[in-house]
Amino acid sequence: MSSPNDTAERDAKRSRLDSQKKHFHSGLLEDATINKIHTSFQTSQPYLHCKIDQLMDDGLLRAVRKEILANLHFTVKETDIYKVWQTGDLANLDGLPQDELDKLSHLFTLRNALYSQEFRDFLSSVTNCGPLSGSKTDMSINSYNDGCHLLNHDDVIGTRRVSFILYLTDPDERWDPKDGGALELYPVIRKGIPATEPTVVIPPQWNQFVMFTVQPGHSFHSVEEVVAQQKPRLSISGWFHIPQKGEPGYNLAVEEGQAKSSLEQLQEETDSSAKFDHYKAPLDDDATEGLTEEDLVSLAEWMNPHYLSMDTLSQMSQQFLDESAVQCRDFLTPEFYDRVKSATLDADKEDGFGEGNKMVAHGTGTQRGAWDCQGPPHRHRYMVVNSNGKNANDEPSSTLLGDLKQKFAGEPFRHWLAVATQLLPLGHRGDARRFRPGHDYTLATTNTRGQGVLDATLCLASAPSSIADAKDKWESGEFGGYECYMAPHDEEEDAAVYKAADEDGALLTVPAGENELSLVLRDEGVMRFIKYISASAPGSRWDVAFEYDLPEEEEADDEDNANADEDQ
């Protein structure tokens, strides 16, 4: 028999539930709906997630959207992994002056409804994830405008337990999937390694709510680039966290056992995971003084003779010594480059790239010659010329770039590098690559080898004459494709975030060039990435990118050390 206190508590709980129900879509918090969504959630693939077509009361959400557009300021945020317009954390609504809060009263109601005990109980019932924190709110408003995107990651940070997105796209115009902006979910090849392409694609729609439990090594997802102009993909996104200290369900062991984010794991990985192919013999110091006749004959077959001149090489080596970097325009001979340009332009045209704001389907290009897609996408995604026996069938782009790859691994080019940089490469590793618009990129990785690495990258980002100002578009950086070198980050700084070029973090930014070689000495701790190629880029970024292993730096002898001490 229930006590008066039990009855009063039940009545109070029922009253709170009834007060919250009015904010949600009719019937959402009923047992029958919960059971239906729970069944769908438990059988979902590629990992546990669900989509609710109508979450909130339509009138409330329309009022929220109007408040956001009229009263909130968005700031563009861009890193190697995303570009998005965003507001501040909505947890800060509590601290607003009353006159400002009055302008956002419906948004305040929405936030409180989402983090109410009743809705958290709903989420726990649907997902079987256990209790969720009511004190830690973590949500913001995002506007994905033309060109905005979010690359592959797993959301594993801190105490996150459930990720969610509530879409606030135009309520009177259904979102066209061709406009991009879809949420993409990736299966895993094995825990921690996502497949290169998603298997579930969820285009945004008004009042649609998508959620998934944060699953270390499994919950990999991305947001497809928005290609529609003047049609922002507006949403509220955030996380529900495990109970915090002092809340019911708090467990210190669970909190301390939270997995590291995929970004943290990436930063802990070392460059030794990909081994260098070492040359048969080391170079003598006199290798930096000039090229042999045999070297000149071999290199003249494909390199611009300007870069075989000792006068030019002397100027290059001096600049490299001063700046640790040098760029070489028109690096290939005109004849060789014309063949490469023709092959790459034909491939882009046949695959549908470079045709303006248009998302081309995943997998495009994988059936072309010897090209394969290289992942995993939480680190990078691009095409490479396969060297493991896949038949190129005389396909021009893979044949020609594969040939350049072999030249970059050859002894004559090694000797040329020694003269141009005054360094003595011991080994090499690299690929001939294609970065497809709307798909490909590399995320920031750090040189953790304990010494410098020589980067040699021949960029071949050309475009048909029908695309006006293609060169200017690449050089602007607005369409991605540039390579960015960054100073070592602070321990408390997100390892995936780069700073704008006018700040201290960017050491060097190299736009995607047409037939341009860049040589860069990348010191220990320096990070680099190639920015995601926008779907509206003039075409693919094609390149041949190699890293060269260098001898360990010799320590100064005792006499030099003593002299240095005397000078201080």
Protein backbone atom coordinates (compact mmCIF):
# COMPACT_ATOMS: atom_id res chain seq x y z
CA MET A 1 0.00 0.00 0.00
CA SER A 2 1.41 3.39 -0.99
CA SER A 3 2.21 5.95 1.67
CA PRO A 4 0.97 9.53 1.37
CA ASN A 5 4.54 10.60 0.58
CA ASP A 6 4.80 8.08 -2.30
CA THR A 7 1.50 9.28 -3.72
CA ALA A 8 2.57 12.91 -3.49
CA GLU A 9 5.88 12.14 -5.20
CA ARG A 10 4.09 10.28 -8.02
CA ASP A 11 1.65 13.15 -8.47
CA ALA A 12 4.49 15.65 -8.60
CA LYS A 13 6.36 13.56 -11.15
CA ARG A 14 3.24 13.19 -13.28
CA SER A 15 2.66 16.94 -13.07
CA ARG A 16 6.23 17.65 -14.22
CA LEU A 17 5.88 15.19 -17.09
CA ASP A 18 2.61 16.79 -18.20
CA SER A 19 4.21 20.23 -18.09
CA GLN A 20 7.07 19.06 -20.32
CA LYS A 21 4.88 17.14 -22.78
CA LYS A 22 3.48 20.36 -24.21
CA HIS A 23 6.96 21.31 -25.44
CA PHE A 24 7.42 18.07 -27.39
CA HIS A 25 5.68 16.60 -30.39
CA SER A 26 2.37 15.02 -29.49
CA GLY A 27 2.76 11.49 -28.11
CA LEU A 28 6.55 11.51 -28.08
CA LEU A 29 6.96 10.86 -24.35
CA GLU A 30 4.31 8.13 -24.25
CA ASP A 31 5.30 4.53 -23.47
CA ALA A 32 4.22 3.21 -26.87
CA THR A 33 6.45 5.71 -28.69
CA ILE A 34 9.36 5.03 -26.36
CA ASN A 35 9.10 1.28 -26.99
CA LYS A 36 8.95 1.78 -30.76
CA ILE A 37 12.00 4.05 -30.82
CA HIS A 38 13.87 1.75 -28.42
CA THR A 39 13.36 -1.21 -30.76
CA SER A 40 14.58 0.80 -33.74
CA PHE A 41 17.59 2.06 -31.79
CA GLN A 42 18.69 -1.40 -30.62
CA THR A 43 18.68 -2.81 -34.17
CA SER A 44 20.33 0.17 -35.90
CA GLN A 45 23.49 0.00 -37.99
CA PRO A 46 26.38 0.73 -38.39
CA TYR A 47 26.19 1.57 -34.67
CA LEU A 48 23.44 2.45 -32.20
CA HIS A 49 21.54 5.54 -33.33
CA CYS A 50 18.04 6.72 -34.11
CA LYS A 51 16.20 9.41 -36.06
CA ILE A 52 13.02 11.02 -34.71
CA ASP A 53 11.17 12.85 -37.47
CA GLN A 54 9.28 15.28 -35.18
CA LEU A 55 10.77 16.04 -31.77
CA MET A 56 9.45 19.38 -30.53
CA ASP A 57 6.15 21.21 -30.63
CA ASP A 58 6.15 22.90 -34.05
CA GLY A 59 5.02 26.29 -32.74
CA LEU A 60 7.74 26.40 -30.08
CA LEU A 61 10.47 25.45 -32.55
CA ARG A 62 9.33 28.06 -35.10
CA ALA A 63 9.52 30.69 -32.36
CA VAL A 64 12.99 29.46 -31.42
CA ARG A 65 14.18 29.74 -35.01
CA LYS A 66 12.91 33.31 -35.28
CA GLU A 67 14.68 34.27 -32.04
CA ILE A 68 17.94 32.77 -33.22
CA LEU A 69 17.92 34.54 -36.57
CA ALA A 70 16.92 37.87 -35.04
CA ASN A 71 19.00 38.01 -31.87
CA LEU A 72 22.07 35.76 -31.99
CA HIS A 73 25.47 36.40 -33.52
CA PHE A 74 27.33 33.63 -35.34
CA THR A 75 31.12 33.42 -35.58
CA VAL A 76 32.86 31.34 -38.22
CA LYS A 77 35.18 28.71 -36.78
CA GLU A 78 37.56 26.75 -38.95
CA THR A 79 40.15 24.07 -38.23
CA ASP A 80 41.60 21.17 -40.16
CA ILE A 81 38.49 19.13 -39.26
CA TYR A 82 35.62 21.59 -39.69
CA LYS A 83 34.26 24.88 -40.92
CA VAL A 84 31.05 26.12 -39.30
CA TRP A 85 29.29 29.24 -38.08
CA GLN A 86 28.53 28.87 -34.38
CA THR A 87 27.09 30.61 -31.33
CA GLY A 88 28.44 30.26 -27.83
CA ASP A 89 27.50 27.49 -25.41
CA LEU A 90 23.81 27.72 -24.54
CA ALA A 91 24.70 26.89 -20.94
CA ASN A 92 25.57 30.58 -20.74
CA LEU A 93 21.93 31.59 -21.18
CA ASP A 94 21.54 31.45 -17.39
CA GLY A 95 23.97 34.31 -16.97
CA LEU A 96 22.31 36.74 -19.38
CA PRO A 97 20.70 39.96 -18.14
CA GLN A 98 16.92 39.72 -18.01
CA ASP A 99 16.37 42.08 -20.96
CA GLU A 100 18.60 39.90 -23.20
CA LEU A 101 17.09 36.67 -21.91
CA ASP A 102 13.62 38.00 -22.75
CA LYS A 103 14.66 38.09 -26.41
CA LEU A 104 15.57 34.39 -26.21
CA SER A 105 12.76 33.13 -23.99
CA HIS A 106 11.66 30.36 -26.37
CA LEU A 107 15.25 29.18 -26.82
CA PHE A 108 15.61 29.14 -23.03
CA THR A 109 12.44 27.03 -22.79
CA LEU A 110 13.75 24.64 -25.44
CA ARG A 111 17.11 24.18 -23.75
CA ASN A 112 15.49 23.47 -20.39
CA ALA A 113 13.05 21.02 -21.97
CA LEU A 114 15.89 19.07 -23.62
CA TYR A 115 17.82 18.79 -20.35
CA SER A 116 14.74 18.19 -18.20
CA GLN A 117 14.59 15.05 -16.07
CA GLU A 118 11.67 13.85 -18.18
CA PHE A 119 13.51 14.05 -21.49
CA ARG A 120 16.68 12.58 -19.99
CA ASP A 121 14.60 9.67 -18.72
CA PHE A 122 13.20 9.31 -22.24
CA LEU A 123 16.73 9.12 -23.69
CA SER A 124 17.87 6.64 -21.05
CA SER A 125 14.86 4.41 -21.79
CA VAL A 126 15.45 4.52 -25.54
CA THR A 127 19.20 3.92 -25.43
CA ASN A 128 19.72 1.89 -22.22
CA CYS A 129 22.66 4.23 -21.58
CA GLY A 130 21.98 4.72 -17.88
CA PRO A 131 21.37 8.02 -16.06
CA LEU A 132 22.38 11.33 -17.64
CA SER A 133 23.58 14.53 -16.04
CA GLY A 134 21.11 17.33 -15.48
CA SER A 135 23.71 19.85 -14.34
CA LYS A 136 26.15 19.64 -17.27
CA THR A 137 24.50 21.18 -20.33
CA ASP A 138 26.57 21.18 -23.50
CA MET A 139 24.93 22.52 -26.65
CA SER A 140 25.34 25.24 -29.25
CA ILE A 141 23.66 26.51 -32.39
CA ASN A 142 25.44 25.74 -35.64
CA SER A 143 24.86 27.19 -39.07
CA TYR A 144 26.44 25.22 -41.89
CA ASN A 145 26.51 27.72 -44.73
CA ASP A 146 27.84 27.17 -48.23
CA GLY A 147 31.20 25.38 -47.92
CA CYS A 148 30.83 24.37 -44.26
CA HIS A 149 31.63 20.78 -43.25
CA LEU A 150 32.67 18.50 -40.40
CA LEU A 151 35.08 15.64 -41.09
CA ASN A 152 35.22 12.15 -39.63
CA HIS A 153 35.54 11.76 -35.83
CA ASP A 154 33.95 9.73 -33.02
CA ASP A 155 32.84 12.45 -30.50
CA VAL A 156 34.74 10.72 -27.68
CA ILE A 157 35.73 13.60 -25.42
CA GLY A 158 35.48 13.78 -21.63
CA THR A 159 32.23 12.55 -20.10
CA ARG A 160 30.02 12.60 -23.22
CA ARG A 161 27.46 9.81 -23.34
CA VAL A 162 24.83 10.77 -25.97
CA SER A 163 25.35 13.01 -29.02
CA PHE A 164 22.39 14.77 -30.60
CA ILE A 165 21.38 17.11 -33.42
CA LEU A 166 18.06 18.95 -33.66
CA TYR A 167 17.55 20.47 -37.11
CA LEU A 168 16.10 23.95 -37.58
CA THR A 169 16.20 24.15 -41.36
CA ASP A 170 13.50 26.17 -43.16
CA PRO A 171 10.20 24.73 -41.83
CA ASP A 172 8.35 25.64 -45.02
CA GLU A 173 10.84 24.28 -47.56
CA ARG A 174 11.92 20.66 -47.43
CA TRP A 175 15.70 20.25 -47.55
CA ASP A 176 16.95 18.80 -50.84
CA PRO A 177 19.58 16.08 -50.26
CA LYS A 178 21.46 17.47 -53.27
CA ASP A 179 22.21 20.54 -51.16
CA GLY A 180 24.56 18.46 -48.95
CA GLY A 181 24.70 18.77 -45.17
CA ALA A 182 23.79 15.13 -44.48
CA LEU A 183 24.94 13.36 -41.34
CA GLU A 184 27.10 10.40 -42.43
CA LEU A 185 27.65 7.34 -40.24
CA TYR A 186 30.63 5.03 -40.81
CA PRO A 187 31.03 1.34 -40.02
CA VAL A 188 34.35 0.17 -38.61
CA ILE A 189 36.77 -2.27 -40.18
CA ARG A 190 37.85 -3.01 -36.62
CA LYS A 191 37.51 -1.04 -33.41
CA GLY A 192 39.04 2.39 -33.85
CA ILE A 193 39.40 2.13 -37.64
CA PRO A 194 36.41 3.43 -39.65
CA ALA A 195 35.74 2.41 -43.25
CA THR A 196 36.58 4.99 -45.91
CA GLU A 197 32.92 5.55 -46.85
CA PRO A 198 29.68 5.88 -44.83
CA THR A 199 26.87 3.33 -44.99
CA VAL A 200 24.12 5.52 -43.49
CA VAL A 201 23.39 9.02 -44.80
CA ILE A 202 20.75 11.16 -43.07
CA PRO A 203 19.82 14.42 -44.82
CA PRO A 204 18.61 17.19 -42.45
CA GLN A 205 14.91 18.08 -42.15
CA TRP A 206 12.93 20.52 -40.04
CA ASN A 207 12.34 19.38 -36.41
CA GLN A 208 14.26 16.15 -37.01
CA PHE A 209 16.26 14.81 -34.07
CA VAL A 210 19.19 12.41 -34.53
CA MET A 211 21.07 10.90 -31.62
CA PHE A 212 23.59 8.19 -30.93
CA THR A 213 25.46 6.93 -27.91
CA VAL A 214 29.12 7.95 -27.87
CA GLN A 215 30.92 4.68 -28.44
CA PRO A 216 34.74 4.74 -28.29
CA GLY A 217 36.19 3.30 -31.46
CA HIS A 218 32.77 2.99 -33.13
CA SER A 219 30.69 6.17 -33.32
CA PHE A 220 32.49 7.67 -36.33
CA HIS A 221 30.51 10.24 -38.27
CA SER A 222 30.85 13.36 -40.40
CA VAL A 223 28.71 16.17 -41.78
CA GLU A 224 28.71 16.40 -45.54
CA GLU A 225 29.62 19.80 -46.98
CA VAL A 226 26.69 22.15 -47.60
CA VAL A 227 26.70 23.22 -51.25
CA ALA A 228 23.45 25.24 -51.35
CA GLN A 229 23.94 28.99 -51.47
CA GLN A 230 21.87 31.29 -49.25
CA LYS A 231 20.34 28.22 -47.58
CA PRO A 232 21.97 27.56 -44.19
CA ARG A 233 21.71 24.19 -42.47
CA LEU A 234 20.71 25.48 -39.03
CA SER A 235 20.76 23.11 -36.08
CA ILE A 236 21.18 22.80 -32.34
CA SER A 237 23.71 20.15 -31.43
CA GLY A 238 25.29 18.96 -28.24
CA TRP A 239 25.84 16.16 -25.80
CA PHE A 240 24.34 14.60 -22.72
CA HIS A 241 26.99 13.62 -20.18
CA ILE A 242 27.32 10.93 -17.56
CA PRO A 243 26.24 12.05 -14.08
CA GLN A 244 28.61 14.55 -12.50
CA LYS A 245 29.87 14.48 -8.93
CA GLY A 246 26.96 14.93 -6.50
CA GLU A 247 24.32 13.75 -9.00
CA PRO A 248 22.37 10.48 -8.73
CA GLY A 249 24.18 7.76 -10.64
CA TYR A 250 27.62 9.37 -10.37
CA ASN A 251 30.44 6.84 -10.53
CA LEU A 252 34.03 8.00 -10.14
CA ALA A 253 35.39 4.85 -11.75
CA VAL A 254 33.27 5.43 -14.86
CA GLU A 255 34.38 9.06 -15.11
CA GLU A 256 38.07 8.20 -14.77
CA GLY A 257 37.74 5.35 -17.25
CA GLN A 258 36.47 7.54 -20.09
CA ALA A 259 38.25 6.72 -23.35
CA LYS A 260 40.61 9.09 -25.07
CA SER A 261 39.29 10.93 -28.08
CA SER A 262 40.30 9.80 -31.56
CA LEU A 263 42.17 13.11 -31.89
CA GLU A 264 44.21 12.43 -28.75
CA GLN A 265 44.97 8.94 -30.00
CA LEU A 266 46.16 10.35 -33.32
CA GLN A 267 48.54 12.71 -31.57
CA GLU A 268 50.04 9.82 -29.60
CA GLU A 269 50.80 7.83 -32.72
CA THR A 270 54.30 8.14 -34.13
CA ASP A 271 55.51 8.54 -37.68
CA SER A 272 57.30 5.19 -37.37
CA SER A 273 54.02 3.41 -38.22
CA ALA A 274 54.91 3.90 -41.90
CA LYS A 275 58.45 2.72 -42.51
CA PHE A 276 60.93 4.44 -44.79
CA ASP A 277 62.35 2.56 -47.75
CA HIS A 278 66.06 3.09 -47.30
CA TYR A 279 68.48 3.61 -50.16
CA LYS A 280 71.18 1.01 -50.73
CA ALA A 281 74.01 3.24 -49.57
CA PRO A 282 74.42 6.56 -47.74
CA LEU A 283 75.53 9.67 -49.63
CA ASP A 284 78.95 11.21 -49.14
CA ASP A 285 79.17 14.85 -48.11
CA ASP A 286 80.38 15.77 -51.59
CA ALA A 287 76.98 14.72 -52.95
CA THR A 288 75.76 18.21 -52.04
CA GLU A 289 78.23 19.86 -54.42
CA GLY A 290 76.77 18.92 -57.79
CA LEU A 291 75.08 16.42 -60.11
CA THR A 292 76.74 13.78 -62.24
CA GLU A 293 76.29 13.65 -66.00
CA GLU A 294 74.20 10.52 -65.53
CA ASP A 295 71.95 12.36 -63.05
CA LEU A 296 71.50 15.28 -65.47
CA VAL A 297 70.54 13.02 -68.37
CA SER A 298 67.96 11.15 -66.26
CA LEU A 299 66.42 14.24 -64.66
CA ALA A 300 66.30 16.21 -67.92
CA GLU A 301 63.72 13.75 -69.23
CA TRP A 302 61.08 15.21 -66.92
CA MET A 303 62.43 18.18 -64.91
CA ASN A 304 62.48 21.75 -66.14
CA PRO A 305 66.13 22.39 -67.15
CA HIS A 306 66.02 25.64 -65.17
CA TYR A 307 66.23 23.55 -61.99
CA LEU A 308 69.24 21.62 -63.26
CA SER A 309 71.36 24.74 -63.50
CA MET A 310 73.98 25.06 -60.76
CA ASP A 311 73.25 28.78 -60.51
CA THR A 312 69.62 28.01 -59.76
CA LEU A 313 70.50 25.19 -57.38
CA SER A 314 72.91 27.43 -55.49
CA GLN A 315 70.20 30.07 -55.04
CA MET A 316 67.73 27.41 -53.93
CA SER A 317 70.10 25.90 -51.38
CA GLN A 318 70.83 29.31 -49.90
CA GLN A 319 67.11 30.10 -49.58
CA PHE A 320 66.47 26.68 -48.07
CA LEU A 321 69.28 27.23 -45.58
CA ASP A 322 67.76 30.58 -44.59
CA GLU A 323 64.07 29.65 -44.53
CA SER A 324 63.91 25.82 -44.37
CA ALA A 325 61.54 25.95 -47.33
CA VAL A 326 61.56 26.73 -51.04
CA GLN A 327 58.97 26.59 -53.84
CA CYS A 328 59.74 25.75 -57.46
CA ARG A 329 57.20 26.87 -60.07
CA ASP A 330 56.88 25.11 -63.45
CA PHE A 331 58.88 22.19 -62.09
CA LEU A 332 58.09 19.62 -64.77
CA THR A 333 59.08 20.16 -68.38
CA PRO A 334 56.23 21.71 -70.43
CA GLU A 335 55.94 18.53 -72.49
CA PHE A 336 55.66 16.22 -69.48
CA TYR A 337 53.30 18.53 -67.62
CA ASP A 338 51.01 18.91 -70.63
CA ARG A 339 50.55 15.13 -70.64
CA VAL A 340 49.83 15.10 -66.89
CA LYS A 341 47.45 18.03 -67.14
CA SER A 342 45.52 16.47 -70.01
CA ALA A 343 45.19 13.16 -68.13
CA THR A 344 44.06 14.73 -64.85
CA LEU A 345 41.59 17.11 -66.50
CA ASP A 346 40.06 14.24 -68.45
CA ALA A 347 39.72 12.18 -65.25
CA ASP A 348 38.04 15.06 -63.41
CA LYS A 349 35.64 15.66 -66.30
CA GLU A 350 34.70 11.99 -66.57
CA ASP A 351 34.18 11.73 -62.80
CA GLY A 352 32.13 14.94 -62.57
CA PHE A 353 34.51 16.98 -60.42
CA GLY A 354 35.04 20.72 -60.90
CA GLU A 355 31.49 21.38 -62.08
CA GLY A 356 30.56 23.94 -59.43
CA ASN A 357 28.62 23.45 -56.19
CA LYS A 358 27.83 19.78 -56.58
CA MET A 359 28.46 16.82 -54.30
CA VAL A 360 29.75 13.83 -56.25
CA ALA A 361 28.89 10.40 -54.85
CA HIS A 362 31.19 8.52 -52.48
CA GLY A 363 33.35 5.98 -54.27
CA THR A 364 33.73 8.07 -57.42
CA GLY A 365 37.14 7.45 -58.94
CA THR A 366 37.80 4.12 -57.24
CA GLN A 367 37.31 2.21 -60.50
CA ARG A 368 39.75 4.42 -62.39
CA GLY A 369 43.00 2.73 -63.38
CA ALA A 370 45.24 1.93 -60.43
CA TRP A 371 43.62 4.44 -58.05
CA ASP A 372 42.47 3.23 -54.62
CA CYS A 373 40.89 5.12 -51.72
CA GLN A 374 43.27 5.50 -48.78
CA GLY A 375 42.01 5.90 -45.20
CA PRO A 376 41.12 5.68 -42.40
CA PRO A 377 39.04 8.87 -42.66
CA HIS A 378 39.54 9.97 -39.03
CA ARG A 379 43.17 10.54 -40.11
CA HIS A 380 42.93 11.20 -43.83
CA ARG A 381 41.12 10.27 -47.01
CA TYR A 382 42.50 10.52 -50.54
CA MET A 383 43.22 8.38 -53.58
CA VAL A 384 46.60 6.75 -54.14
CA VAL A 385 48.18 4.94 -57.07
CA ASN A 386 48.21 1.34 -55.95
CA SER A 387 51.62 -0.30 -56.13
CA ASN A 388 50.42 -3.76 -55.08
CA GLY A 389 49.65 -5.21 -58.46
CA LYS A 390 46.38 -3.52 -59.40
CA ASN A 391 46.33 -3.19 -63.17
CA ALA A 392 46.26 0.42 -64.39
CA ASN A 393 45.00 -0.71 -67.80
CA ASP A 394 47.00 2.13 -69.34
CA GLU A 395 44.74 4.69 -67.63
CA PRO A 396 46.70 7.91 -68.19
CA SER A 397 46.36 9.65 -64.81
CA SER A 398 47.47 6.67 -62.72
CA THR A 399 50.16 5.70 -65.23
CA LEU A 400 51.73 9.17 -65.35
CA LEU A 401 51.51 9.91 -61.62
CA GLY A 402 52.71 6.41 -60.85
CA ASP A 403 55.72 7.12 -63.05
CA LEU A 404 56.40 10.36 -61.13
CA LYS A 405 56.19 8.42 -57.89
CA GLN A 406 58.97 6.13 -59.09
CA LYS A 407 61.08 9.13 -60.10
CA PHE A 408 60.73 10.67 -56.62
CA ALA A 409 62.02 7.40 -55.14
CA GLY A 410 64.97 7.18 -57.54
CA GLU A 411 68.64 7.91 -56.95
CA PRO A 412 68.91 10.83 -59.43
CA PHE A 413 66.19 12.79 -57.62
CA ARG A 414 67.81 11.93 -54.29
CA HIS A 415 71.04 13.45 -55.57
CA TRP A 416 69.16 16.54 -56.78
CA LEU A 417 67.59 16.97 -53.34
CA ALA A 418 71.03 16.77 -51.74
CA VAL A 419 72.28 19.63 -53.91
CA ALA A 420 69.12 21.74 -53.56
CA THR A 421 68.80 21.40 -49.77
CA GLN A 422 72.32 20.45 -48.62
CA LEU A 423 70.74 17.49 -46.85
CA LEU A 424 71.56 13.79 -47.31
CA PRO A 425 68.36 11.66 -47.56
CA LEU A 426 68.70 8.15 -46.15
CA GLY A 427 65.29 6.79 -47.12
CA HIS A 428 61.90 7.74 -48.52
CA ARG A 429 58.18 7.07 -48.30
CA GLY A 430 55.40 8.64 -50.29
CA ASP A 431 52.50 8.38 -52.71
CA ALA A 432 51.02 9.74 -55.87
CA ARG A 433 47.72 11.15 -54.63
CA ARG A 434 44.40 12.56 -55.77
CA PHE A 435 42.25 14.69 -53.45
CA ARG A 436 38.70 14.72 -54.80
CA PRO A 437 36.45 17.78 -54.28
CA GLY A 438 33.84 17.18 -51.60
CA HIS A 439 35.65 14.15 -50.19
CA ASP A 440 39.33 14.25 -49.43
CA TYR A 441 41.78 15.79 -46.92
CA THR A 442 44.41 15.02 -44.31
CA LEU A 443 44.03 15.94 -40.64
CA ALA A 444 46.82 17.48 -38.61
CA THR A 445 49.63 15.07 -37.74
CA THR A 446 52.82 15.76 -35.86
CA ASN A 447 56.42 14.89 -36.67
CA THR A 448 57.27 12.80 -33.62
CA ARG A 449 60.42 11.15 -34.96
CA GLY A 450 62.81 13.15 -32.79
CA GLN A 451 64.47 14.82 -35.77
CA GLY A 452 63.66 16.70 -38.94
CA VAL A 453 62.04 15.24 -42.07
CA LEU A 454 62.39 16.62 -45.59
CA ASP A 455 59.03 17.02 -47.34
CA ALA A 456 58.96 17.18 -51.15
CA THR A 457 55.50 17.76 -52.63
CA LEU A 458 54.82 18.28 -56.33
CA CYS A 459 51.34 19.78 -56.61
CA LEU A 460 49.46 19.42 -59.90
CA ALA A 461 46.22 21.31 -59.23
CA SER A 462 45.18 22.41 -62.68
CA ALA A 463 41.75 23.30 -64.05
CA PRO A 464 40.17 23.59 -67.51
CA SER A 465 40.22 26.97 -69.21
CA SER A 466 36.43 27.04 -68.93
CA ILE A 467 36.74 27.65 -65.17
CA ALA A 468 37.45 31.34 -64.75
CA ASP A 469 40.11 32.39 -62.25
CA ALA A 470 40.86 28.78 -61.28
CA LYS A 471 44.40 29.68 -60.21
CA ASP A 472 43.13 32.54 -58.05
CA LYS A 473 40.58 30.24 -56.45
CA TRP A 474 43.26 27.75 -55.41
CA GLU A 475 45.54 30.50 -54.14
CA SER A 476 42.75 32.10 -52.08
CA GLY A 477 42.47 29.03 -49.85
CA GLU A 478 38.68 29.41 -49.75
CA PHE A 479 38.25 26.14 -51.59
CA GLY A 480 40.77 24.19 -49.51
CA GLY A 481 43.59 22.16 -50.97
CA TYR A 482 46.35 24.14 -49.29
CA GLU A 483 49.02 22.54 -47.11
CA CYS A 484 49.50 24.12 -43.70
CA TYR A 485 52.50 23.72 -41.38
CA MET A 486 51.89 24.63 -37.73
CA ALA A 487 54.00 25.23 -34.67
CA PRO A 488 53.83 22.64 -31.87
CA HIS A 489 50.62 23.12 -29.89
CA ASP A 490 50.32 23.76 -26.19
CA GLU A 491 49.43 20.78 -24.04
CA GLU A 492 46.04 22.29 -23.23
CA GLU A 493 45.27 23.16 -26.85
CA ASP A 494 43.18 20.89 -29.06
CA ALA A 495 45.73 19.07 -31.18
CA ALA A 496 43.48 19.22 -34.24
CA VAL A 497 43.02 22.98 -34.25
CA TYR A 498 45.20 25.19 -36.37
CA LYS A 499 45.45 28.93 -36.01
CA ALA A 500 44.72 31.43 -38.76
CA ALA A 501 47.60 32.43 -41.01
CA ASP A 502 47.89 35.86 -39.36
CA GLU A 503 48.47 34.29 -35.94
CA ASP A 504 51.59 32.67 -34.53
CA GLY A 505 50.50 29.07 -35.08
CA ALA A 506 50.85 28.84 -38.87
CA LEU A 507 54.52 28.57 -39.86
CA LEU A 508 53.87 28.11 -43.56
CA THR A 509 50.81 27.82 -45.80
CA VAL A 510 51.31 26.51 -49.34
CA PRO A 511 48.32 26.97 -51.69
CA ALA A 512 47.55 24.24 -54.18
CA GLY A 513 49.78 25.12 -57.14
CA GLU A 514 49.90 24.12 -60.77
CA ASN A 515 53.11 22.20 -61.49
CA GLU A 516 54.80 23.51 -58.34
CA LEU A 517 57.26 21.66 -56.09
CA SER A 518 57.63 22.63 -52.44
CA LEU A 519 60.55 21.54 -50.29
CA VAL A 520 60.11 21.94 -46.54
CA LEU A 521 62.28 20.85 -43.62
CA ARG A 522 59.75 19.81 -40.99
CA ASP A 523 61.25 19.88 -37.52
CA GLU A 524 60.24 17.67 -34.61
CA GLY A 525 56.83 18.63 -33.22
CA VAL A 526 55.71 20.55 -36.31
CA MET A 527 52.19 19.64 -37.45
CA ARG A 528 50.80 19.72 -40.96
CA PHE A 529 47.63 18.95 -42.90
CA ILE A 530 46.02 19.43 -46.31
CA LYS A 531 42.74 21.24 -45.95
CA TYR A 532 39.57 19.48 -47.10
CA ILE A 533 38.90 20.10 -50.80
CA SER A 534 35.58 21.91 -51.21
CA ALA A 535 33.00 20.52 -53.61
CA SER A 536 33.17 23.87 -55.42
CA ALA A 537 36.95 23.65 -55.98
CA PRO A 538 38.11 23.99 -59.62
CA GLY A 539 39.03 20.30 -59.69
CA SER A 540 40.98 17.65 -57.82
CA ARG A 541 44.24 18.38 -56.10
CA TRP A 542 46.70 15.90 -57.63
CA ASP A 543 50.18 15.59 -56.18
CA VAL A 544 53.21 13.43 -55.57
CA ALA A 545 54.15 13.76 -51.90
CA PHE A 546 57.27 12.22 -50.36
CA GLU A 547 59.02 12.38 -47.01
CA TYR A 548 62.76 11.77 -46.80
CA ASP A 549 64.50 10.37 -43.75
CA LEU A 550 67.56 12.34 -42.69
CA PRO A 551 70.69 11.50 -40.70
CA GLU A 552 70.52 12.20 -36.99
CA GLU A 553 71.94 15.58 -36.11
CA GLU A 554 75.44 15.27 -34.71
CA GLU A 555 76.01 16.66 -31.27
CA ALA A 556 78.55 19.44 -31.00
CA ASP A 557 81.95 18.28 -29.75
CA ASP A 558 83.33 19.31 -26.37
CA GLU A 559 85.41 22.15 -27.83
CA ASP A 560 82.37 23.70 -29.54
CA ASN A 561 80.42 23.42 -26.32
CA ALA A 562 83.21 25.08 -24.39
CA ASN A 563 83.40 27.91 -26.91
CA ALA A 564 79.66 28.39 -26.71
CA ASP A 565 79.90 28.60 -22.91
CA GLU A 566 82.61 31.26 -23.15
CA ASP A 567 80.50 33.36 -25.52
CA GLN A 568 77.58 33.48 -23.05
